[in-house]
Amino acid sequence: MSIPSTARCRRAVTALFLSTALLAGATACGSGGSGRNHSGDVSAAAVTAAGAGAVAPLAVDPALVNPALVNPGLVNPGLVNPALVDSALDPAAVDPAAAEPSPSTSAEKQRFAKTRFVANAGLAAGATYQWIVKPYREGKFKKGAKGRTFALIKAGLAGAFAYNRLKAAVDNAKGDPLLSKAVVPLTAGIESLKGLGSKLRKGNASDADLSSLQDVITGVKSAGQSAGAPVTDRVPSLSQLGG
């Protein structure tokens, strides 16, 4: 025998109220014996009503029903942490980057250009002093000097290294308008150092060649200082010279 759709709906509604009543009764069990008695009465009434196909709402004692279970919107404000609510509404709490404006692309490029300029120019200056100027002043490039051959090999590597790093520094300077303008007068002097490594290695470098190299290094440092990119000597290792 098929059950009319209206009856099925009524029974479904009744079952829903029954589930709510049972849940409320379970919640109230921890509060004392009287709560368990009321829960038992409600459950019995609900079962009776369900068996009879009653459509009237169940009589539930309001004292036994947790409002938050019936209507999740009814939450005790005292149980809510305001900091959690505020953080959910604050974009900076979700993305810290939103708390401060990001630097412009142009500013980032200029800062990167200066950083790379300082690094490359510093390596060129360090290599020049450590492996060329210093041994030259100590007389290690003179014929008959102890360790001359090895000193000239290192000087040759340092000369080629310094030239490449200076070229890279000038290229880096193009990313910053002020720095780019400051190094323009130095480009010709840097280019004149192209064959210095070979001269040093063969022991053919003159005093004028070494003087020109030092003048270029001094000019690069001055250009960096004037553009807010001070250069400090950074001595490369022998492996870096050969790399």
C-alpha atoms as a PDB file:
ATOM      1  CA  MET A   1       0.000   0.000   0.000  1.00  0.00           C
ATOM      2  CA  SER A   2       1.543   3.338  -1.075  1.00  0.00           C
ATOM      3  CA  ILE A   3       1.767   6.165   1.404  1.00  0.00           C
ATOM      4  CA  PRO A   4       0.283   9.471   0.248  1.00  0.00           C
ATOM      5  CA  SER A   5       2.854  12.149  -0.410  1.00  0.00           C
ATOM      6  CA  THR A   6       1.243  14.409   2.213  1.00  0.00           C
ATOM      7  CA  ALA A   7       1.693  11.748   4.865  1.00  0.00           C
ATOM      8  CA  ARG A   8       5.310  11.240   3.893  1.00  0.00           C
ATOM      9  CA  CYS A   9       5.959  14.958   4.208  1.00  0.00           C
ATOM     10  CA  ARG A  10       4.318  15.012   7.611  1.00  0.00           C
ATOM     11  CA  ARG A  11       6.415  12.118   8.809  1.00  0.00           C
ATOM     12  CA  ALA A  12       9.577  13.748   7.501  1.00  0.00           C
ATOM     13  CA  VAL A  13       8.772  16.953   9.375  1.00  0.00           C
ATOM     14  CA  THR A  14       8.007  14.955  12.486  1.00  0.00           C
ATOM     15  CA  ALA A  15      11.308  13.076  12.214  1.00  0.00           C
ATOM     16  CA  LEU A  16      13.168  16.393  11.882  1.00  0.00           C
ATOM     17  CA  PHE A  17      11.587  17.739  15.069  1.00  0.00           C
ATOM     18  CA  LEU A  18      12.300  14.444  16.774  1.00  0.00           C
ATOM     19  CA  SER A  19      16.016  14.646  15.873  1.00  0.00           C
ATOM     20  CA  THR A  20      16.197  18.211  17.188  1.00  0.00           C
ATOM     21  CA  ALA A  21      14.512  17.229  20.419  1.00  0.00           C
ATOM     22  CA  LEU A  22      16.817  14.264  20.948  1.00  0.00           C
ATOM     23  CA  LEU A  23      19.894  16.432  20.304  1.00  0.00           C
ATOM     24  CA  ALA A  24      18.638  19.044  22.755  1.00  0.00           C
ATOM     25  CA  GLY A  25      17.985  16.371  25.327  1.00  0.00           C
ATOM     26  CA  ALA A  26      21.519  15.000  24.957  1.00  0.00           C
ATOM     27  CA  THR A  27      22.921  18.486  25.457  1.00  0.00           C
ATOM     28  CA  ALA A  28      20.920  18.977  28.628  1.00  0.00           C
ATOM     29  CA  CYS A  29      21.982  15.636  30.151  1.00  0.00           C
ATOM     30  CA  GLY A  30      25.070  17.221  31.688  1.00  0.00           C
ATOM     31  CA  SER A  31      23.055  19.890  33.537  1.00  0.00           C
ATOM     32  CA  GLY A  32      21.268  17.593  36.047  1.00  0.00           C
ATOM     33  CA  GLY A  33      18.658  14.950  36.648  1.00  0.00           C
ATOM     34  CA  SER A  34      15.683  17.180  35.927  1.00  0.00           C
ATOM     35  CA  GLY A  35      17.058  17.785  32.444  1.00  0.00           C
ATOM     36  CA  ARG A  36      17.137  14.005  31.786  1.00  0.00           C
ATOM     37  CA  ASN A  37      13.522  13.627  32.908  1.00  0.00           C
ATOM     38  CA  HIS A  38      12.327  16.373  30.630  1.00  0.00           C
ATOM     39  CA  SER A  39      14.339  14.877  27.765  1.00  0.00           C
ATOM     40  CA  GLY A  40      12.705  11.523  28.379  1.00  0.00           C
ATOM     41  CA  ASP A  41       9.237  13.094  28.345  1.00  0.00           C
ATOM     42  CA  VAL A  42       9.933  14.933  25.160  1.00  0.00           C
ATOM     43  CA  SER A  43      11.365  11.845  23.452  1.00  0.00           C
ATOM     44  CA  ALA A  44       8.352   9.779  24.488  1.00  0.00           C
ATOM     45  CA  ALA A  45       5.947  12.415  23.225  1.00  0.00           C
ATOM     46  CA  ALA A  46       7.851  12.664  19.979  1.00  0.00           C
ATOM     47  CA  VAL A  47       7.739   8.898  19.418  1.00  0.00           C
ATOM     48  CA  THR A  48       4.026   8.810  20.131  1.00  0.00           C
ATOM     49  CA  ALA A  49       3.373  11.685  17.761  1.00  0.00           C
ATOM     50  CA  ALA A  50       5.456  10.085  15.027  1.00  0.00           C
ATOM     51  CA  GLY A  51       3.590   6.808  15.298  1.00  0.00           C
ATOM     52  CA  ALA A  52       0.268   8.535  15.033  1.00  0.00           C
ATOM     53  CA  GLY A  53       1.326  10.633  12.022  1.00  0.00           C
ATOM     54  CA  ALA A  54       0.701  13.843  13.943  1.00  0.00           C
ATOM     55  CA  VAL A  55       1.442  17.066  12.152  1.00  0.00           C
ATOM     56  CA  ALA A  56       1.410  19.434  15.114  1.00  0.00           C
ATOM     57  CA  PRO A  57       4.824  20.726  16.231  1.00  0.00           C
ATOM     58  CA  LEU A  58       6.368  18.864  19.135  1.00  0.00           C
ATOM     59  CA  ALA A  59       6.068  20.510  22.510  1.00  0.00           C
ATOM     60  CA  VAL A  60       9.699  21.058  23.433  1.00  0.00           C
ATOM     61  CA  ASP A  61      10.716  22.660  26.662  1.00  0.00           C
ATOM     62  CA  PRO A  62      12.592  25.831  25.620  1.00  0.00           C
ATOM     63  CA  ALA A  63      14.877  25.448  28.626  1.00  0.00           C
ATOM     64  CA  LEU A  64      16.302  22.264  27.135  1.00  0.00           C
ATOM     65  CA  VAL A  65      17.013  23.599  23.666  1.00  0.00           C
ATOM     66  CA  ASN A  66      20.328  25.216  22.840  1.00  0.00           C
ATOM     67  CA  PRO A  67      19.449  28.244  20.665  1.00  0.00           C
ATOM     68  CA  ALA A  68      22.742  27.931  18.820  1.00  0.00           C
ATOM     69  CA  LEU A  69      21.728  24.437  17.642  1.00  0.00           C
ATOM     70  CA  VAL A  70      18.354  25.560  16.368  1.00  0.00           C
ATOM     71  CA  ASN A  71      19.617  28.820  14.858  1.00  0.00           C
ATOM     72  CA  PRO A  72      23.393  29.042  14.304  1.00  0.00           C
ATOM     73  CA  GLY A  73      23.051  32.796  14.015  1.00  0.00           C
ATOM     74  CA  LEU A  74      22.214  33.039  17.713  1.00  0.00           C
ATOM     75  CA  VAL A  75      25.734  32.863  19.110  1.00  0.00           C
ATOM     76  CA  ASN A  76      26.699  34.225  22.482  1.00  0.00           C
ATOM     77  CA  PRO A  77      28.869  37.256  21.683  1.00  0.00           C
ATOM     78  CA  GLY A  78      30.864  36.555  24.808  1.00  0.00           C
ATOM     79  CA  LEU A  79      32.197  33.364  23.231  1.00  0.00           C
ATOM     80  CA  VAL A  80      33.489  35.074  20.110  1.00  0.00           C
ATOM     81  CA  ASN A  81      37.059  36.384  19.980  1.00  0.00           C
ATOM     82  CA  PRO A  82      36.807  39.888  18.446  1.00  0.00           C
ATOM     83  CA  ALA A  83      40.425  39.631  17.268  1.00  0.00           C
ATOM     84  CA  LEU A  84      39.530  36.705  15.031  1.00  0.00           C
ATOM     85  CA  VAL A  85      36.632  38.598  13.508  1.00  0.00           C
ATOM     86  CA  ASP A  86      38.733  41.722  12.967  1.00  0.00           C
ATOM     87  CA  SER A  87      41.556  39.733  11.375  1.00  0.00           C
ATOM     88  CA  ALA A  88      39.136  38.122   8.973  1.00  0.00           C
ATOM     89  CA  LEU A  89      38.034  41.561   7.822  1.00  0.00           C
ATOM     90  CA  ASP A  90      41.510  43.095   7.699  1.00  0.00           C
ATOM     91  CA  PRO A  91      43.246  42.580   4.319  1.00  0.00           C
ATOM     92  CA  ALA A  92      46.652  43.128   5.913  1.00  0.00           C
ATOM     93  CA  ALA A  93      46.078  40.105   8.156  1.00  0.00           C
ATOM     94  CA  VAL A  94      45.571  37.923   5.100  1.00  0.00           C
ATOM     95  CA  ASP A  95      48.370  39.404   2.992  1.00  0.00           C
ATOM     96  CA  PRO A  96      51.060  41.356   4.911  1.00  0.00           C
ATOM     97  CA  ALA A  97      52.152  42.942   1.632  1.00  0.00           C
ATOM     98  CA  ALA A  98      48.819  44.782   1.531  1.00  0.00           C
ATOM     99  CA  ALA A  99      49.860  46.759   4.619  1.00  0.00           C
ATOM    100  CA  GLU A 100      52.463  48.716   2.710  1.00  0.00           C
ATOM    101  CA  PRO A 101      52.682  49.830  -0.910  1.00  0.00           C
ATOM    102  CA  SER A 102      55.008  47.868  -3.152  1.00  0.00           C
ATOM    103  CA  PRO A 103      57.909  49.766  -4.696  1.00  0.00           C
ATOM    104  CA  SER A 104      57.470  50.725  -8.313  1.00  0.00           C
ATOM    105  CA  THR A 105      59.066  48.636 -11.038  1.00  0.00           C
ATOM    106  CA  SER A 106      61.342  51.529 -11.950  1.00  0.00           C
ATOM    107  CA  ALA A 107      62.590  51.842  -8.369  1.00  0.00           C
ATOM    108  CA  GLU A 108      63.266  48.125  -8.155  1.00  0.00           C
ATOM    109  CA  LYS A 109      65.275  48.184 -11.390  1.00  0.00           C
ATOM    110  CA  GLN A 110      67.363  51.128 -10.221  1.00  0.00           C
ATOM    111  CA  ARG A 111      68.107  49.498  -6.868  1.00  0.00           C
ATOM    112  CA  PHE A 112      69.092  46.247  -8.582  1.00  0.00           C
ATOM    113  CA  ALA A 113      71.286  48.133 -11.061  1.00  0.00           C
ATOM    114  CA  LYS A 114      73.178  49.858  -8.246  1.00  0.00           C
ATOM    115  CA  THR A 115      73.636  46.606  -6.356  1.00  0.00           C
ATOM    116  CA  ARG A 116      75.101  44.852  -9.360  1.00  0.00           C
ATOM    117  CA  PHE A 117      77.279  47.860 -10.234  1.00  0.00           C
ATOM    118  CA  VAL A 118      78.754  47.949  -6.738  1.00  0.00           C
ATOM    119  CA  ALA A 119      79.444  44.190  -6.803  1.00  0.00           C
ATOM    120  CA  ASN A 120      81.173  44.154 -10.193  1.00  0.00           C
ATOM    121  CA  ALA A 121      83.122  47.354  -9.673  1.00  0.00           C
ATOM    122  CA  GLY A 122      84.211  46.138  -6.230  1.00  0.00           C
ATOM    123  CA  LEU A 123      85.548  42.884  -7.700  1.00  0.00           C
ATOM    124  CA  ALA A 124      87.444  44.786 -10.400  1.00  0.00           C
ATOM    125  CA  ALA A 125      88.989  47.097  -7.811  1.00  0.00           C
ATOM    126  CA  GLY A 126      89.883  44.213  -5.478  1.00  0.00           C
ATOM    127  CA  ALA A 127      91.507  42.180  -8.247  1.00  0.00           C
ATOM    128  CA  THR A 128      93.465  45.199  -9.447  1.00  0.00           C
ATOM    129  CA  TYR A 129      94.955  45.975  -6.069  1.00  0.00           C
ATOM    130  CA  GLN A 130      95.570  42.433  -4.801  1.00  0.00           C
ATOM    131  CA  TRP A 131      97.023  40.815  -7.903  1.00  0.00           C
ATOM    132  CA  ILE A 132      98.434  43.760  -9.914  1.00  0.00           C
ATOM    133  CA  VAL A 133      99.159  46.932  -7.951  1.00  0.00           C
ATOM    134  CA  LYS A 134     100.405  45.296  -4.758  1.00  0.00           C
ATOM    135  CA  PRO A 135     102.865  42.823  -6.367  1.00  0.00           C
ATOM    136  CA  TYR A 136     104.003  45.548  -8.746  1.00  0.00           C
ATOM    137  CA  ARG A 137     104.897  47.823  -5.847  1.00  0.00           C
ATOM    138  CA  GLU A 138     106.683  44.917  -4.168  1.00  0.00           C
ATOM    139  CA  GLY A 139     108.862  44.466  -7.276  1.00  0.00           C
ATOM    140  CA  LYS A 140     107.576  40.994  -8.102  1.00  0.00           C
ATOM    141  CA  PHE A 141     107.213  41.834 -11.800  1.00  0.00           C
ATOM    142  CA  LYS A 142     110.900  42.697 -12.225  1.00  0.00           C
ATOM    143  CA  LYS A 143     113.162  40.278 -14.026  1.00  0.00           C
ATOM    144  CA  GLY A 144     114.972  37.985 -11.649  1.00  0.00           C
ATOM    145  CA  ALA A 145     112.406  38.481  -8.865  1.00  0.00           C
ATOM    146  CA  LYS A 146     111.505  35.356  -6.914  1.00  0.00           C
ATOM    147  CA  GLY A 147     108.141  33.980  -8.015  1.00  0.00           C
ATOM    148  CA  ARG A 148     107.975  36.400 -10.954  1.00  0.00           C
ATOM    149  CA  THR A 149     106.458  33.920 -13.407  1.00  0.00           C
ATOM    150  CA  PHE A 150     103.614  32.952 -11.108  1.00  0.00           C
ATOM    151  CA  ALA A 151     103.033  36.602 -10.148  1.00  0.00           C
ATOM    152  CA  LEU A 152     102.756  37.586 -13.817  1.00  0.00           C
ATOM    153  CA  ILE A 153     100.296  34.750 -14.518  1.00  0.00           C
ATOM    154  CA  LYS A 154      98.080  35.925 -11.657  1.00  0.00           C
ATOM    155  CA  ALA A 155      98.396  39.525 -12.801  1.00  0.00           C
ATOM    156  CA  GLY A 156      97.397  38.572 -16.327  1.00  0.00           C
ATOM    157  CA  LEU A 157      94.304  36.761 -15.071  1.00  0.00           C
ATOM    158  CA  ALA A 158      93.476  39.704 -12.804  1.00  0.00           C
ATOM    159  CA  GLY A 159      93.847  42.191 -15.684  1.00  0.00           C
ATOM    160  CA  ALA A 160      91.420  40.284 -17.896  1.00  0.00           C
ATOM    161  CA  PHE A 161      89.069  39.779 -14.937  1.00  0.00           C
ATOM    162  CA  ALA A 162      89.102  43.469 -14.009  1.00  0.00           C
ATOM    163  CA  TYR A 163      88.345  44.490 -17.590  1.00  0.00           C
ATOM    164  CA  ASN A 164      85.348  42.131 -17.783  1.00  0.00           C
ATOM    165  CA  ARG A 165      83.970  43.245 -14.400  1.00  0.00           C
ATOM    166  CA  LEU A 166      84.324  46.918 -15.337  1.00  0.00           C
ATOM    167  CA  LYS A 167      82.461  46.319 -18.584  1.00  0.00           C
ATOM    168  CA  ALA A 168      79.718  44.555 -16.621  1.00  0.00           C
ATOM    169  CA  ALA A 169      79.570  47.433 -14.119  1.00  0.00           C
ATOM    170  CA  VAL A 170      79.059  49.968 -16.918  1.00  0.00           C
ATOM    171  CA  ASP A 171      76.297  47.787 -18.310  1.00  0.00           C
ATOM    172  CA  ASN A 172      74.689  47.591 -14.863  1.00  0.00           C
ATOM    173  CA  ALA A 173      74.827  51.366 -14.554  1.00  0.00           C
ATOM    174  CA  LYS A 174      72.393  51.708 -17.451  1.00  0.00           C
ATOM    175  CA  GLY A 175      69.577  50.731 -15.108  1.00  0.00           C
ATOM    176  CA  ASP A 176      69.988  53.916 -13.059  1.00  0.00           C
ATOM    177  CA  PRO A 177      69.840  57.308 -14.832  1.00  0.00           C
ATOM    178  CA  LEU A 178      72.212  59.095 -12.446  1.00  0.00           C
ATOM    179  CA  LEU A 179      74.739  56.265 -12.357  1.00  0.00           C
ATOM    180  CA  SER A 180      74.584  55.801 -16.105  1.00  0.00           C
ATOM    181  CA  LYS A 181      75.424  59.455 -16.646  1.00  0.00           C
ATOM    182  CA  ALA A 182      78.286  59.304 -14.142  1.00  0.00           C
ATOM    183  CA  VAL A 183      80.117  56.456 -15.900  1.00  0.00           C
ATOM    184  CA  VAL A 184      79.909  57.854 -19.432  1.00  0.00           C
ATOM    185  CA  PRO A 185      83.324  59.585 -19.234  1.00  0.00           C
ATOM    186  CA  LEU A 186      84.918  56.290 -18.148  1.00  0.00           C
ATOM    187  CA  THR A 187      83.897  54.095 -21.070  1.00  0.00           C
ATOM    188  CA  ALA A 188      86.891  54.983 -23.257  1.00  0.00           C
ATOM    189  CA  GLY A 189      89.371  54.356 -20.437  1.00  0.00           C
ATOM    190  CA  ILE A 190      87.777  50.993 -19.645  1.00  0.00           C
ATOM    191  CA  GLU A 191      87.941  49.944 -23.275  1.00  0.00           C
ATOM    192  CA  SER A 192      91.664  50.761 -23.380  1.00  0.00           C
ATOM    193  CA  LEU A 193      92.250  48.017 -20.783  1.00  0.00           C
ATOM    194  CA  LYS A 194      91.130  45.244 -23.127  1.00  0.00           C
ATOM    195  CA  GLY A 195      94.626  43.935 -23.845  1.00  0.00           C
ATOM    196  CA  LEU A 196      96.110  44.620 -20.409  1.00  0.00           C
ATOM    197  CA  GLY A 197      95.751  41.041 -19.213  1.00  0.00           C
ATOM    198  CA  SER A 198      97.882  39.738 -22.060  1.00  0.00           C
ATOM    199  CA  LYS A 199     100.547  42.404 -21.471  1.00  0.00           C
ATOM    200  CA  LEU A 200     100.759  41.607 -17.788  1.00  0.00           C
ATOM    201  CA  ARG A 201     101.029  37.880 -18.369  1.00  0.00           C
ATOM    202  CA  LYS A 202     103.912  38.383 -20.804  1.00  0.00           C
ATOM    203  CA  GLY A 203     105.610  40.911 -18.554  1.00  0.00           C
ATOM    204  CA  ASN A 204     105.195  43.683 -21.138  1.00  0.00           C
ATOM    205  CA  ALA A 205     102.929  46.030 -19.166  1.00  0.00           C
ATOM    206  CA  SER A 206     104.441  49.478 -18.692  1.00  0.00           C
ATOM    207  CA  ASP A 207     104.144  51.891 -15.822  1.00  0.00           C
ATOM    208  CA  ALA A 208     101.751  53.926 -17.966  1.00  0.00           C
ATOM    209  CA  ASP A 209      99.504  50.889 -18.401  1.00  0.00           C
ATOM    210  CA  LEU A 210      99.281  50.334 -14.673  1.00  0.00           C
ATOM    211  CA  SER A 211      98.703  54.038 -14.067  1.00  0.00           C
ATOM    212  CA  SER A 212      95.817  54.041 -16.554  1.00  0.00           C
ATOM    213  CA  LEU A 213      94.282  51.035 -14.804  1.00  0.00           C
ATOM    214  CA  GLN A 214      94.434  52.739 -11.421  1.00  0.00           C
ATOM    215  CA  ASP A 215      92.937  55.921 -12.875  1.00  0.00           C
ATOM    216  CA  VAL A 216      89.976  53.943 -14.263  1.00  0.00           C
ATOM    217  CA  ILE A 217      89.364  52.215 -10.923  1.00  0.00           C
ATOM    218  CA  THR A 218      89.492  55.565  -9.126  1.00  0.00           C
ATOM    219  CA  GLY A 219      87.077  57.074 -11.658  1.00  0.00           C
ATOM    220  CA  VAL A 220      84.610  54.188 -11.261  1.00  0.00           C
ATOM    221  CA  LYS A 221      84.640  54.558  -7.491  1.00  0.00           C
ATOM    222  CA  SER A 222      84.044  58.298  -7.765  1.00  0.00           C
ATOM    223  CA  ALA A 223      81.163  57.753 -10.180  1.00  0.00           C
ATOM    224  CA  GLY A 224      79.544  55.293  -7.828  1.00  0.00           C
ATOM    225  CA  GLN A 225      79.972  57.592  -4.861  1.00  0.00           C
ATOM    226  CA  SER A 226      78.367  60.514  -6.700  1.00  0.00           C
ATOM    227  CA  ALA A 227      75.367  58.384  -7.674  1.00  0.00           C
ATOM    228  CA  GLY A 228      74.755  56.928  -4.236  1.00  0.00           C
ATOM    229  CA  ALA A 229      76.477  53.606  -4.990  1.00  0.00           C
ATOM    230  CA  PRO A 230      79.788  53.600  -3.059  1.00  0.00           C
ATOM    231  CA  VAL A 231      82.221  50.898  -4.165  1.00  0.00           C
ATOM    232  CA  THR A 232      84.318  48.835  -1.770  1.00  0.00           C
ATOM    233  CA  ASP A 233      87.184  46.563  -2.828  1.00  0.00           C
ATOM    234  CA  ARG A 234      86.243  42.894  -2.959  1.00  0.00           C
ATOM    235  CA  VAL A 235      89.203  40.585  -3.563  1.00  0.00           C
ATOM    236  CA  PRO A 236      88.295  37.632  -5.804  1.00  0.00           C
ATOM    237  CA  SER A 237      89.846  34.217  -5.291  1.00  0.00           C
ATOM    238  CA  LEU A 238      92.249  32.683  -7.790  1.00  0.00           C
ATOM    239  CA  SER A 239      89.497  30.314  -8.894  1.00  0.00           C
ATOM    240  CA  GLN A 240      87.301  33.313  -9.669  1.00  0.00           C
ATOM    241  CA  LEU A 241      90.061  34.871 -11.715  1.00  0.00           C
ATOM    242  CA  GLY A 242      90.392  31.741 -13.785  1.00  0.00           C
ATOM    243  CA  GLY A 243      86.642  31.228 -14.100  1.00  0.00           C
END
